[in-house]
């Protein structure tokens, strides 16, 4: 049961990295320092004073940058591969009682994959918003994404299984919306 919870925790935090890269690490640092999160021994540095300060400053800068018109679109392009790496690290930092091979395989495929899917979905949504609203709707998306990162990361720490269910629901909704746009009638038109 402990392995399942740590996997759910890692995947929930990785998905939050798809919304914002540094907020989940800030939540991890605070939760670990408060005794609510056990990190893998190789990742104890996440709870250090230096990491806490760095994650706090980086999260504030990241949130602020997403409110600057058109910079948010550039950030989406640059942050997609970084979100995948962050998702890998978040999962590897929290999965315990597994062999290193299993941990890193799960981290790369599960953590990196979930972060990449969420980040890609938000980037596509922001691109559509930029076109439809000339960028004026993007601050609303930025607020929702930052809230999603805080909420999902916090939920993952408190109720990891529920966090994974939320992530699966988000991915399913994205898949269904994307799939409905690619119906044979529309593709052949």
N, C-alpha and C. Protein backbone atom coordinates (compact mmCIF):
# COMPACT_ATOMS: atom_id res chain seq x y z
N UNK A 1 0.83 -1.20 0.00
CA UNK A 1 0.00 0.00 0.00
C UNK A 1 0.87 1.26 0.00
N UNK A 2 1.99 1.23 0.72
CA UNK A 2 2.88 2.39 0.77
C UNK A 2 3.47 2.69 -0.60
N UNK A 3 3.76 1.65 -1.36
CA UNK A 3 4.30 1.86 -2.71
C UNK A 3 3.26 2.53 -3.59
N UNK A 4 2.02 2.06 -3.53
CA UNK A 4 0.94 2.65 -4.33
C UNK A 4 0.75 4.12 -3.98
N UNK A 5 0.76 4.44 -2.70
CA UNK A 5 0.59 5.84 -2.28
C UNK A 5 1.75 6.70 -2.77
N UNK A 6 2.97 6.18 -2.70
CA UNK A 6 4.11 6.98 -3.15
C UNK A 6 4.08 7.17 -4.67
N UNK A 7 3.61 6.16 -5.40
CA UNK A 7 3.46 6.30 -6.85
C UNK A 7 2.39 7.35 -7.17
N UNK A 8 1.26 7.27 -6.50
CA UNK A 8 0.19 8.26 -6.71
C UNK A 8 0.67 9.66 -6.36
N UNK A 9 1.40 9.78 -5.28
CA UNK A 9 1.96 11.07 -4.86
C UNK A 9 2.87 11.62 -5.96
N UNK A 10 3.77 10.79 -6.45
CA UNK A 10 4.70 11.22 -7.49
C UNK A 10 4.00 11.63 -8.76
N UNK A 11 3.01 10.85 -9.18
CA UNK A 11 2.29 11.18 -10.42
C UNK A 11 1.46 12.45 -10.26
N UNK A 12 0.86 12.64 -9.08
CA UNK A 12 0.10 13.87 -8.83
C UNK A 12 1.00 15.09 -8.86
N UNK A 13 2.16 15.00 -8.23
CA UNK A 13 3.11 16.12 -8.25
C UNK A 13 3.65 16.36 -9.66
N UNK A 14 3.87 15.30 -10.39
CA UNK A 14 4.35 15.44 -11.78
C UNK A 14 3.33 16.14 -12.65
N UNK A 15 2.06 15.78 -12.48
CA UNK A 15 1.02 16.46 -13.25
C UNK A 15 0.98 17.94 -12.90
N UNK A 16 1.17 18.27 -11.63
CA UNK A 16 1.21 19.68 -11.22
C UNK A 16 2.37 20.41 -11.89
N UNK A 17 3.47 19.70 -12.16
CA UNK A 17 4.59 20.29 -12.88
C UNK A 17 4.20 20.66 -14.31
N UNK A 18 3.19 20.00 -14.85
CA UNK A 18 2.70 20.35 -16.16
C UNK A 18 1.98 21.69 -16.19
N UNK A 19 1.45 22.10 -15.05
CA UNK A 19 0.80 23.42 -14.95
C UNK A 19 1.84 24.51 -14.69
N UNK A 20 2.68 24.31 -13.72
CA UNK A 20 3.77 25.22 -13.37
C UNK A 20 4.91 24.36 -12.87
N UNK A 21 6.12 24.72 -13.22
CA UNK A 21 7.27 23.87 -12.92
C UNK A 21 7.70 23.97 -11.46
N UNK A 22 7.73 25.17 -10.90
CA UNK A 22 8.33 25.34 -9.59
C UNK A 22 7.36 25.24 -8.42
N UNK A 23 6.08 25.45 -8.65
CA UNK A 23 5.11 25.38 -7.56
C UNK A 23 5.09 24.00 -6.90
N UNK A 24 5.07 22.90 -7.65
CA UNK A 24 5.07 21.59 -6.98
C UNK A 24 6.32 21.36 -6.13
N UNK A 25 7.45 21.86 -6.58
CA UNK A 25 8.67 21.70 -5.78
C UNK A 25 8.63 22.56 -4.52
N UNK A 26 8.02 23.73 -4.62
CA UNK A 26 7.82 24.55 -3.43
C UNK A 26 6.90 23.84 -2.44
N UNK A 27 5.82 23.25 -2.93
CA UNK A 27 4.91 22.48 -2.07
C UNK A 27 5.65 21.29 -1.46
N UNK A 28 6.45 20.60 -2.26
CA UNK A 28 7.22 19.45 -1.75
C UNK A 28 8.17 19.89 -0.65
N UNK A 29 8.84 21.00 -0.86
CA UNK A 29 9.81 21.49 0.12
C UNK A 29 9.12 21.85 1.44
N UNK A 30 8.02 22.58 1.34
CA UNK A 30 7.28 22.98 2.55
C UNK A 30 6.72 21.75 3.26
N UNK A 31 6.12 20.84 2.49
CA UNK A 31 5.51 19.64 3.10
C UNK A 31 6.57 18.75 3.75
N UNK A 32 7.72 18.64 3.13
CA UNK A 32 8.79 17.82 3.70
C UNK A 32 9.33 18.45 4.98
N UNK A 33 9.51 19.75 4.96
CA UNK A 33 10.00 20.44 6.16
C UNK A 33 9.00 20.35 7.30
N UNK A 34 7.70 20.32 6.97
CA UNK A 34 6.66 20.23 7.99
C UNK A 34 6.42 18.80 8.47
N UNK A 35 7.11 17.84 7.85
CA UNK A 35 6.96 16.45 8.26
C UNK A 35 5.80 15.72 7.61
N UNK A 36 5.21 16.30 6.56
CA UNK A 36 4.07 15.68 5.89
C UNK A 36 4.46 14.91 4.63
N UNK A 37 5.74 14.95 4.28
CA UNK A 37 6.19 14.30 3.05
C UNK A 37 7.57 13.70 3.28
N UNK A 38 7.67 12.41 3.02
CA UNK A 38 8.97 11.74 3.10
C UNK A 38 9.55 11.66 1.70
N UNK A 39 10.71 12.27 1.54
CA UNK A 39 11.39 12.24 0.26
C UNK A 39 12.37 11.08 0.23
N UNK A 40 12.65 10.59 -0.97
CA UNK A 40 13.70 9.59 -1.15
C UNK A 40 15.00 10.19 -0.63
N UNK A 41 15.86 9.38 -0.07
CA UNK A 41 17.08 9.89 0.57
C UNK A 41 17.95 10.69 -0.39
N UNK A 42 17.95 10.35 -1.67
CA UNK A 42 18.77 11.09 -2.64
C UNK A 42 18.20 12.48 -2.93
N UNK A 43 16.98 12.73 -2.48
CA UNK A 43 16.32 13.99 -2.78
C UNK A 43 16.01 14.81 -1.54
N UNK A 44 16.71 14.55 -0.46
CA UNK A 44 16.51 15.33 0.77
C UNK A 44 16.83 16.81 0.57
N UNK A 45 17.64 17.13 -0.42
CA UNK A 45 18.01 18.51 -0.70
C UNK A 45 16.79 19.37 -1.00
N UNK A 46 15.69 18.76 -1.45
CA UNK A 46 14.49 19.53 -1.77
C UNK A 46 13.94 20.24 -0.53
N UNK A 47 14.20 19.69 0.64
CA UNK A 47 13.72 20.29 1.89
C UNK A 47 14.72 21.26 2.52
N UNK A 48 15.85 21.51 1.86
CA UNK A 48 16.86 22.40 2.44
C UNK A 48 16.41 23.85 2.41
N UNK A 49 17.05 24.68 3.23
CA UNK A 49 16.74 26.11 3.25
C UNK A 49 16.98 26.74 1.89
N UNK A 50 18.11 26.42 1.27
CA UNK A 50 18.45 26.99 -0.03
C UNK A 50 17.40 26.61 -1.08
N UNK A 51 16.97 25.35 -1.07
CA UNK A 51 15.97 24.90 -2.05
C UNK A 51 14.64 25.60 -1.81
N UNK A 52 14.24 25.72 -0.55
CA UNK A 52 12.97 26.39 -0.23
C UNK A 52 12.96 27.83 -0.75
N UNK A 53 14.03 28.55 -0.51
CA UNK A 53 14.13 29.94 -0.98
C UNK A 53 14.15 29.98 -2.51
N UNK A 54 14.94 29.10 -3.11
CA UNK A 54 15.04 29.07 -4.57
C UNK A 54 13.70 28.74 -5.21
N UNK A 55 13.01 27.72 -4.69
CA UNK A 55 11.70 27.36 -5.25
C UNK A 55 10.69 28.49 -5.06
N UNK A 56 10.73 29.17 -3.92
CA UNK A 56 9.81 30.27 -3.68
C UNK A 56 10.02 31.41 -4.66
N UNK A 57 11.27 31.80 -4.86
CA UNK A 57 11.58 32.89 -5.80
C UNK A 57 11.25 32.46 -7.23
N UNK A 58 11.65 31.25 -7.59
CA UNK A 58 11.40 30.76 -8.96
C UNK A 58 9.89 30.66 -9.24
N UNK A 59 9.13 30.21 -8.26
CA UNK A 59 7.67 30.10 -8.45
C UNK A 59 7.05 31.48 -8.64
N UNK A 60 7.50 32.46 -7.85
CA UNK A 60 6.96 33.82 -7.97
C UNK A 60 7.31 34.42 -9.33
N UNK A 61 8.53 34.24 -9.79
CA UNK A 61 8.94 34.75 -11.09
C UNK A 61 8.17 34.05 -12.21
N UNK A 62 8.02 32.73 -12.10
CA UNK A 62 7.29 31.96 -13.11
C UNK A 62 5.83 32.42 -13.20
N UNK A 63 5.19 32.58 -12.06
CA UNK A 63 3.80 33.03 -12.06
C UNK A 63 3.68 34.42 -12.69
N UNK A 64 4.55 35.34 -12.29
CA UNK A 64 4.51 36.70 -12.83
C UNK A 64 4.77 36.72 -14.33
N UNK A 65 5.71 35.93 -14.80
CA UNK A 65 6.06 35.92 -16.23
C UNK A 65 4.90 35.46 -17.10
N UNK A 66 4.07 34.58 -16.58
CA UNK A 66 2.93 34.09 -17.37
C UNK A 66 1.83 35.15 -17.52
N UNK A 67 1.93 36.25 -16.83
CA UNK A 67 0.96 37.34 -16.99
C UNK A 67 1.40 38.38 -18.01
N UNK A 68 2.59 38.22 -18.56
CA UNK A 68 3.09 39.15 -19.57
C UNK A 68 2.64 38.65 -20.94
N UNK A 69 1.86 39.48 -21.67
CA UNK A 69 1.36 39.03 -22.98
C UNK A 69 2.48 38.58 -23.92
N UNK A 70 2.25 37.52 -24.59
CA UNK A 70 3.10 36.85 -25.57
C UNK A 70 4.34 36.22 -24.94
N UNK A 71 4.81 36.70 -23.80
CA UNK A 71 5.89 36.01 -23.10
C UNK A 71 5.38 34.65 -22.63
N UNK A 72 4.10 34.60 -22.27
CA UNK A 72 3.51 33.34 -21.83
C UNK A 72 3.58 32.27 -22.92
N UNK A 73 3.41 32.65 -24.18
CA UNK A 73 3.50 31.70 -25.28
C UNK A 73 4.93 31.20 -25.47
N UNK A 74 5.89 32.10 -25.32
CA UNK A 74 7.30 31.71 -25.42
C UNK A 74 7.65 30.77 -24.26
N UNK A 75 7.16 31.10 -23.08
CA UNK A 75 7.42 30.24 -21.92
C UNK A 75 6.83 28.84 -22.11
N UNK A 76 5.66 28.74 -22.71
CA UNK A 76 5.08 27.43 -22.97
C UNK A 76 5.98 26.58 -23.85
N UNK A 77 6.56 27.20 -24.85
CA UNK A 77 7.46 26.46 -25.74
C UNK A 77 8.69 25.98 -24.98
N UNK A 78 9.28 26.86 -24.20
CA UNK A 78 10.49 26.51 -23.47
C UNK A 78 10.21 25.58 -22.30
N UNK A 79 9.05 25.71 -21.69
CA UNK A 79 8.80 24.95 -20.47
C UNK A 79 8.32 23.52 -20.71
N UNK A 80 7.96 23.17 -21.93
CA UNK A 80 7.48 21.81 -22.17
C UNK A 80 8.55 20.77 -21.84
N UNK A 81 9.76 20.87 -22.40
CA UNK A 81 10.76 19.86 -22.02
C UNK A 81 11.18 19.96 -20.54
N UNK A 82 11.19 21.18 -20.02
CA UNK A 82 11.56 21.36 -18.60
C UNK A 82 10.50 20.74 -17.69
N UNK A 83 9.23 20.86 -18.06
CA UNK A 83 8.15 20.25 -17.27
C UNK A 83 8.29 18.73 -17.25
N UNK A 84 8.70 18.15 -18.36
CA UNK A 84 8.90 16.70 -18.40
C UNK A 84 10.02 16.30 -17.43
N UNK A 85 11.12 17.04 -17.46
CA UNK A 85 12.23 16.75 -16.55
C UNK A 85 11.79 16.94 -15.10
N UNK A 86 11.06 18.01 -14.83
CA UNK A 86 10.55 18.26 -13.47
C UNK A 86 9.63 17.14 -13.03
N UNK A 87 8.78 16.64 -13.93
CA UNK A 87 7.89 15.52 -13.61
C UNK A 87 8.67 14.26 -13.26
N UNK A 88 9.75 14.03 -13.99
CA UNK A 88 10.60 12.87 -13.70
C UNK A 88 11.20 13.00 -12.31
N UNK A 89 11.73 14.17 -12.00
CA UNK A 89 12.36 14.39 -10.69
C UNK A 89 11.33 14.29 -9.57
N UNK A 90 10.15 14.88 -9.76
CA UNK A 90 9.12 14.84 -8.72
C UNK A 90 8.72 13.40 -8.40
N UNK A 91 8.56 12.59 -9.42
CA UNK A 91 8.19 11.19 -9.17
C UNK A 91 9.34 10.44 -8.51
N UNK A 92 10.55 10.60 -9.03
CA UNK A 92 11.70 9.90 -8.46
C UNK A 92 11.94 10.30 -7.01
N UNK A 93 11.63 11.55 -6.67
CA UNK A 93 11.87 12.04 -5.31
C UNK A 93 10.89 11.45 -4.30
N UNK A 94 9.74 11.00 -4.76
CA UNK A 94 8.72 10.55 -3.82
C UNK A 94 8.47 9.05 -3.82
N UNK A 95 8.84 8.36 -4.88
CA UNK A 95 8.62 6.92 -4.95
C UNK A 95 9.67 6.23 -4.07
N UNK A 96 9.17 5.40 -3.17
CA UNK A 96 10.08 4.71 -2.24
C UNK A 96 9.80 3.22 -2.24
N UNK A 97 10.74 2.48 -1.70
CA UNK A 97 10.63 1.03 -1.55
C UNK A 97 10.56 0.29 -2.88
N UNK A 98 11.22 0.84 -3.89
CA UNK A 98 11.32 0.18 -5.19
C UNK A 98 12.79 0.14 -5.58
N UNK A 99 13.11 -0.77 -6.46
CA UNK A 99 14.48 -0.81 -6.98
C UNK A 99 14.74 0.45 -7.79
N UNK A 100 16.00 0.85 -7.91
CA UNK A 100 16.30 2.04 -8.71
C UNK A 100 15.81 1.91 -10.16
N UNK A 101 15.91 0.73 -10.73
CA UNK A 101 15.43 0.54 -12.10
C UNK A 101 13.93 0.80 -12.20
N UNK A 102 13.16 0.25 -11.30
CA UNK A 102 11.71 0.47 -11.31
C UNK A 102 11.37 1.92 -11.01
N UNK A 103 12.08 2.52 -10.06
CA UNK A 103 11.81 3.92 -9.70
C UNK A 103 12.03 4.83 -10.91
N UNK A 104 13.18 4.70 -11.55
CA UNK A 104 13.49 5.59 -12.66
C UNK A 104 12.66 5.29 -13.90
N UNK A 105 12.31 4.02 -14.10
CA UNK A 105 11.42 3.68 -15.22
C UNK A 105 10.06 4.32 -15.01
N UNK A 106 9.52 4.20 -13.82
CA UNK A 106 8.24 4.82 -13.49
C UNK A 106 8.34 6.34 -13.58
N UNK A 107 9.45 6.89 -13.09
CA UNK A 107 9.63 8.34 -13.11
C UNK A 107 9.67 8.88 -14.54
N UNK A 108 10.41 8.20 -15.40
CA UNK A 108 10.55 8.68 -16.78
C UNK A 108 9.25 8.51 -17.56
N UNK A 109 8.67 7.32 -17.49
CA UNK A 109 7.47 7.05 -18.28
C UNK A 109 6.24 7.71 -17.65
N UNK A 110 6.02 7.46 -16.36
CA UNK A 110 4.83 7.98 -15.69
C UNK A 110 4.94 9.46 -15.37
N UNK A 111 5.96 9.83 -14.61
CA UNK A 111 6.11 11.22 -14.19
C UNK A 111 6.36 12.17 -15.34
N UNK A 112 7.32 11.83 -16.18
CA UNK A 112 7.62 12.67 -17.34
C UNK A 112 6.46 12.71 -18.32
N UNK A 113 5.83 11.56 -18.51
CA UNK A 113 4.70 11.49 -19.44
C UNK A 113 3.51 12.32 -18.98
N UNK A 114 3.15 12.20 -17.72
CA UNK A 114 2.01 12.96 -17.19
C UNK A 114 2.30 14.46 -17.24
N UNK A 115 3.49 14.87 -16.83
CA UNK A 115 3.84 16.29 -16.89
C UNK A 115 3.80 16.80 -18.32
N UNK A 116 4.31 16.01 -19.25
CA UNK A 116 4.32 16.41 -20.65
C UNK A 116 2.93 16.53 -21.24
N UNK A 117 2.05 15.61 -20.90
CA UNK A 117 0.68 15.66 -21.42
C UNK A 117 -0.05 16.90 -20.89
N UNK A 118 0.06 17.15 -19.60
CA UNK A 118 -0.60 18.33 -19.01
C UNK A 118 -0.02 19.61 -19.59
N UNK A 119 1.29 19.71 -19.68
CA UNK A 119 1.93 20.91 -20.22
C UNK A 119 1.54 21.13 -21.67
N UNK A 120 1.51 20.08 -22.46
CA UNK A 120 1.11 20.21 -23.86
C UNK A 120 -0.33 20.69 -23.97
N UNK A 121 -1.19 20.15 -23.13
CA UNK A 121 -2.59 20.59 -23.13
C UNK A 121 -2.74 22.06 -22.77
N UNK A 122 -2.00 22.52 -21.77
CA UNK A 122 -2.10 23.93 -21.39
C UNK A 122 -1.49 24.83 -22.47
N UNK A 123 -0.42 24.37 -23.11
CA UNK A 123 0.19 25.17 -24.19
C UNK A 123 -0.77 25.29 -25.37
N UNK A 124 -1.44 24.22 -25.72
CA UNK A 124 -2.41 24.27 -26.82
C UNK A 124 -3.59 25.19 -26.47
N UNK A 125 -4.03 25.10 -25.23
CA UNK A 125 -5.12 25.95 -24.79
C UNK A 125 -4.72 27.42 -24.82
N UNK A 126 -3.50 27.72 -24.38
CA UNK A 126 -3.02 29.10 -24.39
C UNK A 126 -2.87 29.60 -25.83
N UNK A 127 -2.38 28.75 -26.71
CA UNK A 127 -2.27 29.14 -28.12
C UNK A 127 -3.63 29.48 -28.71
N UNK A 128 -4.61 28.66 -28.41
CA UNK A 128 -5.98 28.93 -28.90
C UNK A 128 -6.51 30.22 -28.30
N UNK A 129 -6.25 30.43 -27.03
CA UNK A 129 -6.70 31.66 -26.37
C UNK A 129 -6.03 32.89 -26.98
N UNK A 130 -4.75 32.76 -27.29
CA UNK A 130 -4.02 33.88 -27.89
C UNK A 130 -4.62 34.27 -29.23
N UNK A 131 -4.97 33.26 -30.02
CA UNK A 131 -5.56 33.53 -31.33
C UNK A 131 -6.97 34.10 -31.19
N UNK A 132 -7.78 33.51 -30.33
CA UNK A 132 -9.19 33.91 -30.22
C UNK A 132 -9.39 35.23 -29.48
N UNK A 133 -8.50 35.55 -28.52
CA UNK A 133 -8.70 36.75 -27.71
C UNK A 133 -7.57 37.77 -27.86
N UNK A 134 -6.68 37.53 -28.81
CA UNK A 134 -5.49 38.39 -29.00
C UNK A 134 -4.66 38.46 -27.72
N UNK A 135 -4.69 37.42 -26.93
CA UNK A 135 -3.91 37.35 -25.71
C UNK A 135 -4.58 37.91 -24.48
N UNK A 136 -5.73 38.56 -24.64
CA UNK A 136 -6.39 39.17 -23.49
C UNK A 136 -7.00 38.13 -22.55
N UNK A 137 -7.28 36.94 -23.04
CA UNK A 137 -7.83 35.87 -22.19
C UNK A 137 -6.77 35.07 -21.47
N UNK A 138 -5.52 35.27 -21.85
CA UNK A 138 -4.44 34.46 -21.27
C UNK A 138 -4.22 34.66 -19.77
N UNK A 139 -4.40 35.87 -19.22
CA UNK A 139 -4.25 36.00 -17.76
C UNK A 139 -5.24 35.12 -16.98
N UNK A 140 -6.41 34.92 -17.54
CA UNK A 140 -7.37 34.03 -16.88
C UNK A 140 -6.83 32.60 -16.87
N UNK A 141 -6.27 32.18 -18.00
CA UNK A 141 -5.66 30.85 -18.06
C UNK A 141 -4.47 30.75 -17.11
N UNK A 142 -3.66 31.80 -17.05
CA UNK A 142 -2.50 31.79 -16.16
C UNK A 142 -2.92 31.62 -14.71
N UNK A 143 -3.98 32.30 -14.32
CA UNK A 143 -4.48 32.18 -12.96
C UNK A 143 -4.98 30.76 -12.69
N UNK A 144 -5.71 30.21 -13.65
CA UNK A 144 -6.23 28.85 -13.49
C UNK A 144 -5.10 27.83 -13.42
N UNK A 145 -4.08 28.00 -14.23
CA UNK A 145 -2.96 27.07 -14.23
C UNK A 145 -2.17 27.15 -12.92
N UNK A 146 -1.92 28.35 -12.44
CA UNK A 146 -1.21 28.49 -11.16
C UNK A 146 -2.03 27.88 -10.03
N UNK A 147 -3.35 28.15 -10.04
CA UNK A 147 -4.23 27.54 -9.04
C UNK A 147 -4.27 26.03 -9.17
N UNK A 148 -4.25 25.54 -10.41
CA UNK A 148 -4.22 24.10 -10.64
C UNK A 148 -2.95 23.47 -10.10
N UNK A 149 -1.82 24.16 -10.28
CA UNK A 149 -0.55 23.63 -9.77
C UNK A 149 -0.54 23.58 -8.25
N UNK A 150 -1.01 24.65 -7.61
CA UNK A 150 -1.06 24.68 -6.14
C UNK A 150 -2.04 23.63 -5.62
N UNK A 151 -3.23 23.62 -6.21
CA UNK A 151 -4.27 22.70 -5.75
C UNK A 151 -3.89 21.24 -5.96
N UNK A 152 -3.38 20.91 -7.14
CA UNK A 152 -3.04 19.52 -7.43
C UNK A 152 -1.84 19.05 -6.62
N UNK A 153 -0.83 19.90 -6.48
CA UNK A 153 0.34 19.53 -5.67
C UNK A 153 -0.06 19.33 -4.21
N UNK A 154 -0.89 20.21 -3.69
CA UNK A 154 -1.35 20.08 -2.31
C UNK A 154 -2.22 18.84 -2.14
N UNK A 155 -3.10 18.59 -3.10
CA UNK A 155 -3.94 17.40 -3.05
C UNK A 155 -3.10 16.13 -3.10
N UNK A 156 -2.06 16.15 -3.92
CA UNK A 156 -1.18 14.98 -4.03
C UNK A 156 -0.51 14.67 -2.69
N UNK A 157 -0.13 15.69 -1.96
CA UNK A 157 0.51 15.48 -0.66
C UNK A 157 -0.49 14.96 0.37
N UNK A 158 -1.71 15.48 0.33
CA UNK A 158 -2.71 15.13 1.35
C UNK A 158 -3.48 13.86 0.98
N UNK A 159 -3.96 13.78 -0.25
CA UNK A 159 -4.76 12.64 -0.72
C UNK A 159 -4.24 12.18 -2.09
N UNK A 160 -3.13 11.44 -2.11
CA UNK A 160 -2.49 11.10 -3.39
C UNK A 160 -3.37 10.30 -4.36
N UNK A 161 -4.18 9.40 -3.86
CA UNK A 161 -5.03 8.60 -4.76
C UNK A 161 -6.07 9.49 -5.43
N UNK A 162 -6.66 10.41 -4.69
CA UNK A 162 -7.61 11.34 -5.26
C UNK A 162 -6.93 12.24 -6.31
N UNK A 163 -5.69 12.63 -6.03
CA UNK A 163 -4.95 13.46 -6.98
C UNK A 163 -4.77 12.72 -8.31
N UNK A 164 -4.45 11.44 -8.25
CA UNK A 164 -4.29 10.67 -9.49
C UNK A 164 -5.62 10.54 -10.22
N UNK A 165 -6.70 10.39 -9.49
CA UNK A 165 -8.02 10.34 -10.14
C UNK A 165 -8.33 11.66 -10.84
N UNK A 166 -7.97 12.77 -10.23
CA UNK A 166 -8.15 14.09 -10.85
C UNK A 166 -7.30 14.18 -12.12
N UNK A 167 -6.06 13.71 -12.04
CA UNK A 167 -5.16 13.74 -13.20
C UNK A 167 -5.72 12.89 -14.34
N UNK A 168 -6.18 11.69 -14.02
CA UNK A 168 -6.76 10.82 -15.05
C UNK A 168 -7.99 11.47 -15.68
N UNK A 169 -8.80 12.13 -14.88
CA UNK A 169 -9.98 12.83 -15.40
C UNK A 169 -9.56 13.96 -16.35
N UNK A 170 -8.55 14.73 -15.96
CA UNK A 170 -8.05 15.81 -16.83
C UNK A 170 -7.55 15.27 -18.15
N UNK A 171 -6.76 14.22 -18.08
CA UNK A 171 -6.20 13.64 -19.31
C UNK A 171 -7.31 13.07 -20.19
N UNK A 172 -8.29 12.42 -19.59
CA UNK A 172 -9.40 11.87 -20.34
C UNK A 172 -10.20 12.99 -21.03
N UNK A 173 -10.45 14.07 -20.30
CA UNK A 173 -11.17 15.20 -20.89
C UNK A 173 -10.40 15.80 -22.05
N UNK A 174 -9.09 15.94 -21.89
CA UNK A 174 -8.27 16.48 -22.99
C UNK A 174 -8.31 15.54 -24.18
N UNK A 175 -8.23 14.27 -23.94
CA UNK A 175 -8.25 13.29 -25.03
C UNK A 175 -9.59 13.31 -25.75
N UNK A 176 -10.68 13.39 -25.00
CA UNK A 176 -12.00 13.42 -25.61
C UNK A 176 -12.21 14.69 -26.42
N UNK A 177 -11.74 15.82 -25.91
CA UNK A 177 -11.89 17.08 -26.66
C UNK A 177 -11.04 17.06 -27.92
N UNK A 178 -9.83 16.58 -27.81
CA UNK A 178 -8.97 16.49 -28.98
C UNK A 178 -9.54 15.49 -29.97
N UNK A 179 -10.04 14.37 -29.48
CA UNK A 179 -10.63 13.35 -30.35
C UNK A 179 -11.87 13.84 -31.06
N UNK A 180 -12.67 14.66 -30.38
CA UNK A 180 -13.89 15.16 -31.01
C UNK A 180 -13.57 16.15 -32.13
N UNK A 181 -12.42 16.79 -32.06
CA UNK A 181 -12.00 17.71 -33.11
C UNK A 181 -11.45 16.96 -34.32
N UNK A 182 -11.09 15.71 -34.12
CA UNK A 182 -10.49 14.92 -35.19
C UNK A 182 -11.42 13.82 -35.69
N UNK A 183 -12.70 14.09 -35.71
CA UNK A 183 -13.64 13.10 -36.23
C UNK A 183 -13.39 12.90 -37.72
N UNK A 184 -13.70 11.73 -38.26
CA UNK A 184 -13.44 11.46 -39.67
C UNK A 184 -14.06 12.50 -40.60
N UNK A 185 -15.25 13.00 -40.25
CA UNK A 185 -15.89 13.99 -41.10
C UNK A 185 -15.06 15.26 -41.18
N UNK A 186 -14.46 15.68 -40.06
CA UNK A 186 -13.67 16.91 -40.04
C UNK A 186 -12.30 16.70 -40.68
N UNK A 187 -11.72 15.52 -40.49
CA UNK A 187 -10.41 15.24 -41.06
C UNK A 187 -10.51 15.16 -42.58
N UNK A 188 -11.54 14.54 -43.12
CA UNK A 188 -11.71 14.37 -44.56
C UNK A 188 -12.23 15.62 -45.25
N UNK A 189 -12.71 16.59 -44.50
CA UNK A 189 -13.29 17.80 -45.11
C UNK A 189 -12.26 18.68 -45.75
